[in-house]
Amino acid sequence: PGSFELPVAAKTLAQSGQYDAVICLGAVI
């Protein structure tokens, strides 16, 4: 939904062991 939610998704992706890197993108104005 927003930039505040990026860390939890990124952590889940990183911990999955499936990815060599995770990129988090957002825009807070």
mmCIF file of all heavy atoms, coordinates in Angstrom:
data_MODEL
# 
_entry.id   MODEL 
# 
loop_
_atom_site.group_PDB 
_atom_site.id 
_atom_site.type_symbol 
_atom_site.label_atom_id 
_atom_site.label_alt_id 
_atom_site.label_comp_id 
_atom_site.label_asym_id 
_atom_site.label_entity_id 
_atom_site.label_seq_id 
_atom_site.pdbx_PDB_ins_code 
_atom_site.Cartn_x 
_atom_site.Cartn_y 
_atom_site.Cartn_z 
_atom_site.occupancy 
_atom_site.B_iso_or_equiv 
_atom_site.pdbx_formal_charge 
_atom_site.auth_seq_id 
_atom_site.auth_comp_id 
_atom_site.auth_asym_id 
_atom_site.auth_atom_id 
_atom_site.pdbx_PDB_model_num 
ATOM 1   N N   . PRO A 1 1  ? 0.795  -1.234  0.000  1.00 0.00 ? 1  PRO A N   1 
ATOM 2   C CA  . PRO A 1 1  ? 0.000  0.000   0.000  1.00 0.00 ? 1  PRO A CA  1 
ATOM 3   C C   . PRO A 1 1  ? 0.833  1.293   0.000  1.00 0.00 ? 1  PRO A C   1 
ATOM 4   O O   . PRO A 1 1  ? 0.545  2.215   -0.753 1.00 0.00 ? 1  PRO A O   1 
ATOM 5   C CB  . PRO A 1 1  ? -0.835 -0.116  1.271  1.00 0.00 ? 1  PRO A CB  1 
ATOM 6   C CG  . PRO A 1 1  ? -0.937 -1.586  1.512  1.00 0.00 ? 1  PRO A CG  1 
ATOM 7   C CD  . PRO A 1 1  ? 0.375  -2.150  1.065  1.00 0.00 ? 1  PRO A CD  1 
ATOM 8   N N   . GLY A 1 2  ? 1.844  1.365   0.857  1.00 0.00 ? 2  GLY A N   1 
ATOM 9   C CA  . GLY A 1 2  ? 2.627  2.594   0.953  1.00 0.00 ? 2  GLY A CA  1 
ATOM 10  C C   . GLY A 1 2  ? 4.045  2.312   1.403  1.00 0.00 ? 2  GLY A C   1 
ATOM 11  O O   . GLY A 1 2  ? 4.419  1.162   1.662  1.00 0.00 ? 2  GLY A O   1 
ATOM 12  N N   . SER A 1 3  ? 4.845  3.358   1.511  1.00 0.00 ? 3  SER A N   1 
ATOM 13  C CA  . SER A 1 3  ? 6.252  3.203   1.892  1.00 0.00 ? 3  SER A CA  1 
ATOM 14  C C   . SER A 1 3  ? 6.424  2.643   3.297  1.00 0.00 ? 3  SER A C   1 
ATOM 15  O O   . SER A 1 3  ? 7.408  1.956   3.577  1.00 0.00 ? 3  SER A O   1 
ATOM 16  C CB  . SER A 1 3  ? 6.977  4.544   1.768  1.00 0.00 ? 3  SER A CB  1 
ATOM 17  O OG  . SER A 1 3  ? 7.041  4.922   0.408  1.00 0.00 ? 3  SER A OG  1 
ATOM 18  N N   . PHE A 1 4  ? 5.476  2.908   4.174  1.00 0.00 ? 4  PHE A N   1 
ATOM 19  C CA  . PHE A 1 4  ? 5.540  2.388   5.536  1.00 0.00 ? 4  PHE A CA  1 
ATOM 20  C C   . PHE A 1 4  ? 5.535  0.856   5.540  1.00 0.00 ? 4  PHE A C   1 
ATOM 21  O O   . PHE A 1 4  ? 6.145  0.224   6.407  1.00 0.00 ? 4  PHE A O   1 
ATOM 22  C CB  . PHE A 1 4  ? 4.353  2.930   6.346  1.00 0.00 ? 4  PHE A CB  1 
ATOM 23  C CG  . PHE A 1 4  ? 4.418  2.624   7.807  1.00 0.00 ? 4  PHE A CG  1 
ATOM 24  C CD1 . PHE A 1 4  ? 5.131  3.442   8.671  1.00 0.00 ? 4  PHE A CD1 1 
ATOM 25  C CD2 . PHE A 1 4  ? 3.753  1.524   8.336  1.00 0.00 ? 4  PHE A CD2 1 
ATOM 26  C CE1 . PHE A 1 4  ? 5.192  3.171   10.027 1.00 0.00 ? 4  PHE A CE1 1 
ATOM 27  C CE2 . PHE A 1 4  ? 3.810  1.243   9.687  1.00 0.00 ? 4  PHE A CE2 1 
ATOM 28  C CZ  . PHE A 1 4  ? 4.535  2.075   10.538 1.00 0.00 ? 4  PHE A CZ  1 
ATOM 29  N N   . GLU A 1 5  ? 4.881  0.253   4.564  1.00 0.00 ? 5  GLU A N   1 
ATOM 30  C CA  . GLU A 1 5  ? 4.766  -1.206  4.495  1.00 0.00 ? 5  GLU A CA  1 
ATOM 31  C C   . GLU A 1 5  ? 5.923  -1.882  3.772  1.00 0.00 ? 5  GLU A C   1 
ATOM 32  O O   . GLU A 1 5  ? 6.006  -3.116  3.740  1.00 0.00 ? 5  GLU A O   1 
ATOM 33  C CB  . GLU A 1 5  ? 3.447  -1.588  3.815  1.00 0.00 ? 5  GLU A CB  1 
ATOM 34  C CG  . GLU A 1 5  ? 2.207  -1.251  4.628  1.00 0.00 ? 5  GLU A CG  1 
ATOM 35  C CD  . GLU A 1 5  ? 1.806  0.218   4.581  1.00 0.00 ? 5  GLU A CD  1 
ATOM 36  O OE1 . GLU A 1 5  ? 2.126  0.909   3.589  1.00 0.00 ? 5  GLU A OE1 1 
ATOM 37  O OE2 . GLU A 1 5  ? 1.152  0.679   5.546  1.00 0.00 ? 5  GLU A OE2 1 
ATOM 38  N N   . LEU A 1 6  ? 6.817  -1.129  3.186  1.00 0.00 ? 6  LEU A N   1 
ATOM 39  C CA  . LEU A 1 6  ? 7.945  -1.721  2.457  1.00 0.00 ? 6  LEU A CA  1 
ATOM 40  C C   . LEU A 1 6  ? 8.811  -2.644  3.316  1.00 0.00 ? 6  LEU A C   1 
ATOM 41  O O   . LEU A 1 6  ? 9.173  -3.731  2.863  1.00 0.00 ? 6  LEU A O   1 
ATOM 42  C CB  . LEU A 1 6  ? 8.810  -0.621  1.830  1.00 0.00 ? 6  LEU A CB  1 
ATOM 43  C CG  . LEU A 1 6  ? 8.200  0.110   0.637  1.00 0.00 ? 6  LEU A CG  1 
ATOM 44  C CD1 . LEU A 1 6  ? 9.026  1.351   0.299  1.00 0.00 ? 6  LEU A CD1 1 
ATOM 45  C CD2 . LEU A 1 6  ? 8.094  -0.807  -0.560 1.00 0.00 ? 6  LEU A CD2 1 
ATOM 46  N N   . PRO A 1 7  ? 9.180  -2.256  4.544  1.00 0.00 ? 7  PRO A N   1 
ATOM 47  C CA  . PRO A 1 7  ? 10.091 -3.120  5.316  1.00 0.00 ? 7  PRO A CA  1 
ATOM 48  C C   . PRO A 1 7  ? 9.566  -4.528  5.582  1.00 0.00 ? 7  PRO A C   1 
ATOM 49  O O   . PRO A 1 7  ? 10.332 -5.493  5.479  1.00 0.00 ? 7  PRO A O   1 
ATOM 50  C CB  . PRO A 1 7  ? 10.291 -2.348  6.627  1.00 0.00 ? 7  PRO A CB  1 
ATOM 51  C CG  . PRO A 1 7  ? 10.084 -0.925  6.259  1.00 0.00 ? 7  PRO A CG  1 
ATOM 52  C CD  . PRO A 1 7  ? 8.981  -0.967  5.223  1.00 0.00 ? 7  PRO A CD  1 
ATOM 53  N N   . VAL A 1 8  ? 8.303  -4.677  5.897  1.00 0.00 ? 8  VAL A N   1 
ATOM 54  C CA  . VAL A 1 8  ? 7.804  -6.020  6.208  1.00 0.00 ? 8  VAL A CA  1 
ATOM 55  C C   . VAL A 1 8  ? 7.815  -6.900  4.960  1.00 0.00 ? 8  VAL A C   1 
ATOM 56  O O   . VAL A 1 8  ? 8.175  -8.086  5.025  1.00 0.00 ? 8  VAL A O   1 
ATOM 57  C CB  . VAL A 1 8  ? 6.411  -5.986  6.885  1.00 0.00 ? 8  VAL A CB  1 
ATOM 58  C CG1 . VAL A 1 8  ? 5.319  -5.563  5.928  1.00 0.00 ? 8  VAL A CG1 1 
ATOM 59  C CG2 . VAL A 1 8  ? 6.087  -7.339  7.496  1.00 0.00 ? 8  VAL A CG2 1 
ATOM 60  N N   . ALA A 1 9  ? 7.452  -6.341  3.811  1.00 0.00 ? 9  ALA A N   1 
ATOM 61  C CA  . ALA A 1 9  ? 7.500  -7.121  2.570  1.00 0.00 ? 9  ALA A CA  1 
ATOM 62  C C   . ALA A 1 9  ? 8.949  -7.443  2.211  1.00 0.00 ? 9  ALA A C   1 
ATOM 63  O O   . ALA A 1 9  ? 9.264  -8.573  1.819  1.00 0.00 ? 9  ALA A O   1 
ATOM 64  C CB  . ALA A 1 9  ? 6.820  -6.352  1.442  1.00 0.00 ? 9  ALA A CB  1 
ATOM 65  N N   . ALA A 1 10 ? 9.831  -6.462  2.355  1.00 0.00 ? 10 ALA A N   1 
ATOM 66  C CA  . ALA A 1 10 ? 11.240 -6.684  2.035  1.00 0.00 ? 10 ALA A CA  1 
ATOM 67  C C   . ALA A 1 10 ? 11.848 -7.754  2.927  1.00 0.00 ? 10 ALA A C   1 
ATOM 68  O O   . ALA A 1 10 ? 12.602 -8.615  2.452  1.00 0.00 ? 10 ALA A O   1 
ATOM 69  C CB  . ALA A 1 10 ? 12.025 -5.377  2.177  1.00 0.00 ? 10 ALA A CB  1 
ATOM 70  N N   . LYS A 1 11 ? 11.521 -7.730  4.204  1.00 0.00 ? 11 LYS A N   1 
ATOM 71  C CA  . LYS A 1 11 ? 12.070 -8.726  5.122  1.00 0.00 ? 11 LYS A CA  1 
ATOM 72  C C   . LYS A 1 11 ? 11.570 -10.124 4.777  1.00 0.00 ? 11 LYS A C   1 
ATOM 73  O O   . LYS A 1 11 ? 12.343 -11.090 4.787  1.00 0.00 ? 11 LYS A O   1 
ATOM 74  C CB  . LYS A 1 11 ? 11.731 -8.384  6.567  1.00 0.00 ? 11 LYS A CB  1 
ATOM 75  C CG  . LYS A 1 11 ? 12.414 -9.308  7.555  1.00 0.00 ? 11 LYS A CG  1 
ATOM 76  C CD  . LYS A 1 11 ? 12.245 -8.847  8.985  1.00 0.00 ? 11 LYS A CD  1 
ATOM 77  C CE  . LYS A 1 11 ? 13.022 -9.743  9.924  1.00 0.00 ? 11 LYS A CE  1 
ATOM 78  N NZ  . LYS A 1 11 ? 12.879 -9.292  11.320 1.00 0.00 ? 11 LYS A NZ  1 
ATOM 79  N N   . THR A 1 12 ? 10.302 -10.230 4.455  1.00 0.00 ? 12 THR A N   1 
ATOM 80  C CA  . THR A 1 12 ? 9.738  -11.525 4.076  1.00 0.00 ? 12 THR A CA  1 
ATOM 81  C C   . THR A 1 12 ? 10.416 -12.060 2.815  1.00 0.00 ? 12 THR A C   1 
ATOM 82  O O   . THR A 1 12 ? 10.777 -13.241 2.733  1.00 0.00 ? 12 THR A O   1 
ATOM 83  C CB  . THR A 1 12 ? 8.222  -11.413 3.880  1.00 0.00 ? 12 THR A CB  1 
ATOM 84  O OG1 . THR A 1 12 ? 7.637  -10.900 5.087  1.00 0.00 ? 12 THR A OG1 1 
ATOM 85  C CG2 . THR A 1 12 ? 7.597  -12.755 3.543  1.00 0.00 ? 12 THR A CG2 1 
ATOM 86  N N   . LEU A 1 13 ? 10.606 -11.192 1.829  1.00 0.00 ? 13 LEU A N   1 
ATOM 87  C CA  . LEU A 1 13 ? 11.294 -11.592 0.597  1.00 0.00 ? 13 LEU A CA  1 
ATOM 88  C C   . LEU A 1 13 ? 12.732 -12.002 0.879  1.00 0.00 ? 13 LEU A C   1 
ATOM 89  O O   . LEU A 1 13 ? 13.207 -13.028 0.394  1.00 0.00 ? 13 LEU A O   1 
ATOM 90  C CB  . LEU A 1 13 ? 11.245 -10.449 -0.417 1.00 0.00 ? 13 LEU A CB  1 
ATOM 91  C CG  . LEU A 1 13 ? 9.871  -10.172 -1.025 1.00 0.00 ? 13 LEU A CG  1 
ATOM 92  C CD1 . LEU A 1 13 ? 9.827  -8.781  -1.654 1.00 0.00 ? 13 LEU A CD1 1 
ATOM 93  C CD2 . LEU A 1 13 ? 9.512  -11.246 -2.037 1.00 0.00 ? 13 LEU A CD2 1 
ATOM 94  N N   . ALA A 1 14 ? 13.439 -11.205 1.671  1.00 0.00 ? 14 ALA A N   1 
ATOM 95  C CA  . ALA A 1 14 ? 14.841 -11.504 1.975  1.00 0.00 ? 14 ALA A CA  1 
ATOM 96  C C   . ALA A 1 14 ? 14.975 -12.815 2.740  1.00 0.00 ? 14 ALA A C   1 
ATOM 97  O O   . ALA A 1 14 ? 15.867 -13.619 2.459  1.00 0.00 ? 14 ALA A O   1 
ATOM 98  C CB  . ALA A 1 14 ? 15.463 -10.353 2.755  1.00 0.00 ? 14 ALA A CB  1 
ATOM 99  N N   . GLN A 1 15 ? 14.100 -13.042 3.697  1.00 0.00 ? 15 GLN A N   1 
ATOM 100 C CA  . GLN A 1 15 ? 14.180 -14.262 4.508  1.00 0.00 ? 15 GLN A CA  1 
ATOM 101 C C   . GLN A 1 15 ? 13.771 -15.510 3.746  1.00 0.00 ? 15 GLN A C   1 
ATOM 102 O O   . GLN A 1 15 ? 14.069 -16.617 4.176  1.00 0.00 ? 15 GLN A O   1 
ATOM 103 C CB  . GLN A 1 15 ? 13.299 -14.119 5.758  1.00 0.00 ? 15 GLN A CB  1 
ATOM 104 C CG  . GLN A 1 15 ? 13.866 -13.185 6.784  1.00 0.00 ? 15 GLN A CG  1 
ATOM 105 C CD  . GLN A 1 15 ? 12.956 -13.025 7.992  1.00 0.00 ? 15 GLN A CD  1 
ATOM 106 O OE1 . GLN A 1 15 ? 11.732 -13.092 7.889  1.00 0.00 ? 15 GLN A OE1 1 
ATOM 107 N NE2 . GLN A 1 15 ? 13.571 -12.793 9.140  1.00 0.00 ? 15 GLN A NE2 1 
ATOM 108 N N   . SER A 1 16 ? 13.121 -15.351 2.615  1.00 0.00 ? 16 SER A N   1 
ATOM 109 C CA  . SER A 1 16 ? 12.665 -16.516 1.849  1.00 0.00 ? 16 SER A CA  1 
ATOM 110 C C   . SER A 1 16 ? 13.832 -17.329 1.290  1.00 0.00 ? 16 SER A C   1 
ATOM 111 O O   . SER A 1 16 ? 13.659 -18.498 0.944  1.00 0.00 ? 16 SER A O   1 
ATOM 112 C CB  . SER A 1 16 ? 11.766 -16.067 0.687  1.00 0.00 ? 16 SER A CB  1 
ATOM 113 O OG  . SER A 1 16 ? 12.548 -15.483 -0.358 1.00 0.00 ? 16 SER A OG  1 
ATOM 114 N N   . GLY A 1 17 ? 15.003 -16.715 1.183  1.00 0.00 ? 17 GLY A N   1 
ATOM 115 C CA  . GLY A 1 17 ? 16.154 -17.402 0.621  1.00 0.00 ? 17 GLY A CA  1 
ATOM 116 C C   . GLY A 1 17 ? 16.125 -17.488 -0.894 1.00 0.00 ? 17 GLY A C   1 
ATOM 117 O O   . GLY A 1 17 ? 16.997 -18.099 -1.502 1.00 0.00 ? 17 GLY A O   1 
ATOM 118 N N   . GLN A 1 18 ? 15.145 -16.873 -1.514 1.00 0.00 ? 18 GLN A N   1 
ATOM 119 C CA  . GLN A 1 18 ? 14.992 -16.948 -2.969 1.00 0.00 ? 18 GLN A CA  1 
ATOM 120 C C   . GLN A 1 18 ? 15.691 -15.821 -3.714 1.00 0.00 ? 18 GLN A C   1 
ATOM 121 O O   . GLN A 1 18 ? 15.795 -15.893 -4.942 1.00 0.00 ? 18 GLN A O   1 
ATOM 122 C CB  . GLN A 1 18 ? 13.509 -16.921 -3.326 1.00 0.00 ? 18 GLN A CB  1 
ATOM 123 C CG  . GLN A 1 18 ? 12.726 -18.101 -2.816 1.00 0.00 ? 18 GLN A CG  1 
ATOM 124 C CD  . GLN A 1 18 ? 11.259 -17.969 -3.192 1.00 0.00 ? 18 GLN A CD  1 
ATOM 125 O OE1 . GLN A 1 18 ? 10.925 -17.764 -4.346 1.00 0.00 ? 18 GLN A OE1 1 
ATOM 126 N NE2 . GLN A 1 18 ? 10.397 -18.063 -2.197 1.00 0.00 ? 18 GLN A NE2 1 
ATOM 127 N N   . TYR A 1 19 ? 16.153 -14.774 -3.006 1.00 0.00 ? 19 TYR A N   1 
ATOM 128 C CA  . TYR A 1 19 ? 16.653 -13.579 -3.688 1.00 0.00 ? 19 TYR A CA  1 
ATOM 129 C C   . TYR A 1 19 ? 18.046 -13.194 -3.218 1.00 0.00 ? 19 TYR A C   1 
ATOM 130 O O   . TYR A 1 19 ? 18.371 -13.307 -2.040 1.00 0.00 ? 19 TYR A O   1 
ATOM 131 C CB  . TYR A 1 19 ? 15.668 -12.416 -3.498 1.00 0.00 ? 19 TYR A CB  1 
ATOM 132 C CG  . TYR A 1 19 ? 14.293 -12.804 -3.980 1.00 0.00 ? 19 TYR A CG  1 
ATOM 133 C CD1 . TYR A 1 19 ? 13.288 -13.149 -3.083 1.00 0.00 ? 19 TYR A CD1 1 
ATOM 134 C CD2 . TYR A 1 19 ? 14.034 -12.898 -5.344 1.00 0.00 ? 19 TYR A CD2 1 
ATOM 135 C CE1 . TYR A 1 19 ? 12.045 -13.563 -3.531 1.00 0.00 ? 19 TYR A CE1 1 
ATOM 136 C CE2 . TYR A 1 19 ? 12.794 -13.317 -5.799 1.00 0.00 ? 19 TYR A CE2 1 
ATOM 137 C CZ  . TYR A 1 19 ? 11.805 -13.645 -4.897 1.00 0.00 ? 19 TYR A CZ  1 
ATOM 138 O OH  . TYR A 1 19 ? 10.580 -14.068 -5.338 1.00 0.00 ? 19 TYR A OH  1 
ATOM 139 N N   . ASP A 1 20 ? 18.829 -12.707 -4.167 1.00 0.00 ? 20 ASP A N   1 
ATOM 140 C CA  . ASP A 1 20 ? 20.175 -12.222 -3.879 1.00 0.00 ? 20 ASP A CA  1 
ATOM 141 C C   . ASP A 1 20 ? 20.162 -10.757 -3.455 1.00 0.00 ? 20 ASP A C   1 
ATOM 142 O O   . ASP A 1 20 ? 21.132 -10.275 -2.866 1.00 0.00 ? 20 ASP A O   1 
ATOM 143 C CB  . ASP A 1 20 ? 21.066 -12.377 -5.117 1.00 0.00 ? 20 ASP A CB  1 
ATOM 144 C CG  . ASP A 1 20 ? 21.174 -13.839 -5.535 1.00 0.00 ? 20 ASP A CG  1 
ATOM 145 O OD1 . ASP A 1 20 ? 21.694 -14.630 -4.724 1.00 0.00 ? 20 ASP A OD1 1 
ATOM 146 O OD2 . ASP A 1 20 ? 20.743 -14.179 -6.648 1.00 0.00 ? 20 ASP A OD2 1 
ATOM 147 N N   . ALA A 1 21 ? 19.094 -10.050 -3.755 1.00 0.00 ? 21 ALA A N   1 
ATOM 148 C CA  . ALA A 1 21 ? 18.942 -8.650  -3.377 1.00 0.00 ? 21 ALA A CA  1 
ATOM 149 C C   . ALA A 1 21 ? 17.464 -8.289  -3.403 1.00 0.00 ? 21 ALA A C   1 
ATOM 150 O O   . ALA A 1 21 ? 16.672 -8.921  -4.116 1.00 0.00 ? 21 ALA A O   1 
ATOM 151 C CB  . ALA A 1 21 ? 19.717 -7.740  -4.332 1.00 0.00 ? 21 ALA A CB  1 
ATOM 152 N N   . VAL A 1 22 ? 17.123 -7.268  -2.632 1.00 0.00 ? 22 VAL A N   1 
ATOM 153 C CA  . VAL A 1 22 ? 15.758 -6.747  -2.598 1.00 0.00 ? 22 VAL A CA  1 
ATOM 154 C C   . VAL A 1 22 ? 15.849 -5.240  -2.801 1.00 0.00 ? 22 VAL A C   1 
ATOM 155 O O   . VAL A 1 22 ? 16.663 -4.570  -2.156 1.00 0.00 ? 22 VAL A O   1 
ATOM 156 C CB  . VAL A 1 22 ? 15.051 -7.063  -1.257 1.00 0.00 ? 22 VAL A CB  1 
ATOM 157 C CG1 . VAL A 1 22 ? 13.658 -6.454  -1.226 1.00 0.00 ? 22 VAL A CG1 1 
ATOM 158 C CG2 . VAL A 1 22 ? 14.992 -8.562  -1.004 1.00 0.00 ? 22 VAL A CG2 1 
ATOM 159 N N   . ILE A 1 23 ? 15.016 -4.735  -3.682 1.00 0.00 ? 23 ILE A N   1 
ATOM 160 C CA  . ILE A 1 23 ? 14.953 -3.296  -3.953 1.00 0.00 ? 23 ILE A CA  1 
ATOM 161 C C   . ILE A 1 23 ? 13.617 -2.780  -3.439 1.00 0.00 ? 23 ILE A C   1 
ATOM 162 O O   . ILE A 1 23 ? 12.559 -3.321  -3.788 1.00 0.00 ? 23 ILE A O   1 
ATOM 163 C CB  . ILE A 1 23 ? 15.076 -3.017  -5.468 1.00 0.00 ? 23 ILE A CB  1 
ATOM 164 C CG1 . ILE A 1 23 ? 16.415 -3.532  -6.000 1.00 0.00 ? 23 ILE A CG1 1 
ATOM 165 C CG2 . ILE A 1 23 ? 14.905 -1.524  -5.754 1.00 0.00 ? 23 ILE A CG2 1 
ATOM 166 C CD1 . ILE A 1 23 ? 16.508 -3.525  -7.516 1.00 0.00 ? 23 ILE A CD1 1 
ATOM 167 N N   . CYS A 1 24 ? 13.657 -1.725  -2.624 1.00 0.00 ? 24 CYS A N   1 
ATOM 168 C CA  . CYS A 1 24 ? 12.441 -1.115  -2.080 1.00 0.00 ? 24 CYS A CA  1 
ATOM 169 C C   . CYS A 1 24 ? 12.240 0.254   -2.723 1.00 0.00 ? 24 CYS A C   1 
ATOM 170 O O   . CYS A 1 24 ? 13.147 1.096   -2.692 1.00 0.00 ? 24 CYS A O   1 
ATOM 171 C CB  . CYS A 1 24 ? 12.565 -0.939  -0.571 1.00 0.00 ? 24 CYS A CB  1 
ATOM 172 S SG  . CYS A 1 24 ? 12.753 -2.486  0.327  1.00 0.00 ? 24 CYS A SG  1 
ATOM 173 N N   . LEU A 1 25 ? 11.057 0.466   -3.280 1.00 0.00 ? 25 LEU A N   1 
ATOM 174 C CA  . LEU A 1 25 ? 10.771 1.706   -4.000 1.00 0.00 ? 25 LEU A CA  1 
ATOM 175 C C   . LEU A 1 25 ? 9.513  2.369   -3.454 1.00 0.00 ? 25 LEU A C   1 
ATOM 176 O O   . LEU A 1 25 ? 8.501  1.698   -3.212 1.00 0.00 ? 25 LEU A O   1 
ATOM 177 C CB  . LEU A 1 25 ? 10.568 1.412   -5.489 1.00 0.00 ? 25 LEU A CB  1 
ATOM 178 C CG  . LEU A 1 25 ? 11.710 0.684   -6.193 1.00 0.00 ? 25 LEU A CG  1 
ATOM 179 C CD1 . LEU A 1 25 ? 11.290 0.287   -7.599 1.00 0.00 ? 25 LEU A CD1 1 
ATOM 180 C CD2 . LEU A 1 25 ? 12.952 1.557   -6.206 1.00 0.00 ? 25 LEU A CD2 1 
ATOM 181 N N   . GLY A 1 26 ? 9.580  3.675   -3.281 1.00 0.00 ? 26 GLY A N   1 
ATOM 182 C CA  . GLY A 1 26 ? 8.424  4.426   -2.812 1.00 0.00 ? 26 GLY A CA  1 
ATOM 183 C C   . GLY A 1 26 ? 8.615  5.902   -3.076 1.00 0.00 ? 26 GLY A C   1 
ATOM 184 O O   . GLY A 1 26 ? 9.668  6.342   -3.539 1.00 0.00 ? 26 GLY A O   1 
ATOM 185 N N   . ALA A 1 27 ? 7.575  6.663   -2.763 1.00 0.00 ? 27 ALA A N   1 
ATOM 186 C CA  . ALA A 1 27 ? 7.635  8.111   -2.914 1.00 0.00 ? 27 ALA A CA  1 
ATOM 187 C C   . ALA A 1 27 ? 6.826  8.748   -1.796 1.00 0.00 ? 27 ALA A C   1 
ATOM 188 O O   . ALA A 1 27 ? 5.623  8.510   -1.683 1.00 0.00 ? 27 ALA A O   1 
ATOM 189 C CB  . ALA A 1 27 ? 7.098  8.537   -4.274 1.00 0.00 ? 27 ALA A CB  1 
ATOM 190 N N   . VAL A 1 28 ? 7.514  9.519   -0.962 1.00 0.00 ? 28 VAL A N   1 
ATOM 191 C CA  . VAL A 1 28 ? 6.859  10.242  0.119  1.00 0.00 ? 28 VAL A CA  1 
ATOM 192 C C   . VAL A 1 28 ? 7.064  11.727  -0.176 1.00 0.00 ? 28 VAL A C   1 
ATOM 193 O O   . VAL A 1 28 ? 8.195  12.197  -0.252 1.00 0.00 ? 28 VAL A O   1 
ATOM 194 C CB  . VAL A 1 28 ? 7.444  9.869   1.493  1.00 0.00 ? 28 VAL A CB  1 
ATOM 195 C CG1 . VAL A 1 28 ? 6.649  10.537  2.607  1.00 0.00 ? 28 VAL A CG1 1 
ATOM 196 C CG2 . VAL A 1 28 ? 7.456  8.353   1.681  1.00 0.00 ? 28 VAL A CG2 1 
ATOM 197 N N   . ILE A 1 29 ? 5.962  12.420  -0.369 1.00 0.00 ? 29 ILE A N   1 
ATOM 198 C CA  . ILE A 1 29 ? 6.008  13.837  -0.733 1.00 0.00 ? 29 ILE A CA  1 
ATOM 199 C C   . ILE A 1 29 ? 5.471  14.640  0.447  1.00 0.00 ? 29 ILE A C   1 
ATOM 200 O O   . ILE A 1 29 ? 4.388  14.359  0.958  1.00 0.00 ? 29 ILE A O   1 
ATOM 201 C CB  . ILE A 1 29 ? 5.192  14.081  -2.014 1.00 0.00 ? 29 ILE A CB  1 
ATOM 202 C CG1 . ILE A 1 29 ? 5.776  13.227  -3.155 1.00 0.00 ? 29 ILE A CG1 1 
ATOM 203 C CG2 . ILE A 1 29 ? 5.196  15.566  -2.376 1.00 0.00 ? 29 ILE A CG2 1 
ATOM 204 C CD1 . ILE A 1 29 ? 4.930  13.172  -4.404 1.00 0.00 ? 29 ILE A CD1 1 
# 
